[in-house]
Amino acid sequence: MQNSQSTLPVIPGAQRDAVTAAALAVIRRALIEGTPVTRAGLAHEASIMLGASPEEALADVDEVAERLGVSSLR
């Protein structure tokens, strides 16, 4: 049977890894390239890593942050 979804759902471990990769990419750009850390920059990077819209990606970032005890970005 063929899956009707166009993308596979992100499992929690993969979601956490994608959020971590996005955060580290933003931090790396800030440290190495001097790029400012912004909400828009994090949303863009997270959307690439998670394959989601920037708004959905930030919601995923918030979900992971809250599980780790970090305050929401909202």
Protein backbone atom coordinates (compact mmCIF):
# COMPACT_ATOMS: atom_id res chain seq x y z
CA MET A 1 0.00 0.00 0.00
CA GLN A 2 1.28 3.47 -0.89
CA ASN A 3 1.54 6.18 1.74
CA SER A 4 -0.78 9.11 0.93
CA GLN A 5 1.41 11.64 2.75
CA SER A 6 4.02 13.49 0.73
CA THR A 7 6.53 13.57 3.59
CA LEU A 8 7.28 11.26 6.46
CA PRO A 9 6.31 12.53 9.91
CA VAL A 10 9.20 13.81 12.01
CA ILE A 11 9.74 11.56 15.00
CA PRO A 12 10.64 13.21 18.31
CA GLY A 13 14.34 12.24 18.19
CA ALA A 14 14.67 13.49 14.62
CA GLN A 15 12.75 16.64 15.53
CA ARG A 16 15.11 17.28 18.43
CA ASP A 17 18.14 16.69 16.19
CA ALA A 18 16.78 19.05 13.52
CA VAL A 19 16.10 21.78 16.09
CA THR A 20 19.60 21.29 17.53
CA ALA A 21 21.16 21.50 14.07
CA ALA A 22 19.25 24.70 13.32
CA ALA A 23 20.30 26.31 16.60
CA LEU A 24 23.94 25.31 16.12
CA ALA A 25 23.93 26.64 12.55
CA VAL A 26 22.65 30.00 13.79
CA ILE A 27 25.23 30.08 16.60
CA ARG A 28 28.02 29.11 14.20
CA ARG A 29 27.11 31.93 11.81
CA ALA A 30 27.09 34.36 14.72
CA LEU A 31 30.50 33.25 16.01
CA ILE A 32 32.30 32.71 12.71
CA GLU A 33 30.63 35.14 10.32
CA GLY A 34 29.39 37.78 12.77
CA THR A 35 25.79 37.35 11.62
CA PRO A 36 23.36 38.60 14.27
CA VAL A 37 21.17 36.03 16.00
CA THR A 38 17.58 36.87 15.18
CA ARG A 39 14.21 35.19 15.48
CA ALA A 40 13.83 35.40 11.69
CA GLY A 41 17.22 33.76 11.18
CA LEU A 42 16.36 30.91 13.53
CA ALA A 43 12.95 30.49 11.87
CA HIS A 44 14.59 30.31 8.45
CA GLU A 45 17.22 27.78 9.50
CA ALA A 46 14.71 25.66 11.43
CA SER A 47 12.32 25.66 8.47
CA ILE A 48 15.08 24.24 6.27
CA MET A 49 16.11 21.60 8.81
CA LEU A 50 12.54 20.56 9.62
CA GLY A 51 11.07 20.91 6.13
CA ALA A 52 8.29 23.11 7.44
CA SER A 53 7.10 26.71 7.17
CA PRO A 54 9.00 29.18 9.39
CA GLU A 55 5.97 29.45 11.70
CA GLU A 56 5.64 25.67 12.06
CA ALA A 57 9.39 25.32 12.54
CA LEU A 58 9.42 27.89 15.37
CA ALA A 59 6.57 26.00 17.01
CA ASP A 60 8.75 22.88 16.88
CA VAL A 61 11.68 24.85 18.32
CA ASP A 62 9.43 26.04 21.15
CA GLU A 63 8.22 22.48 21.78
CA VAL A 64 11.77 21.17 22.11
CA ALA A 65 12.85 24.18 24.19
CA GLU A 66 9.98 23.71 26.61
CA ARG A 67 10.77 20.00 27.01
CA LEU A 68 14.31 21.06 27.96
CA GLY A 69 13.09 23.70 30.40
CA VAL A 70 13.99 26.70 28.23
CA SER A 71 11.48 29.55 28.01
CA SER A 72 9.34 29.83 24.91
CA LEU A 73 10.34 32.17 22.09
CA ARG A 74 6.80 33.52 21.90
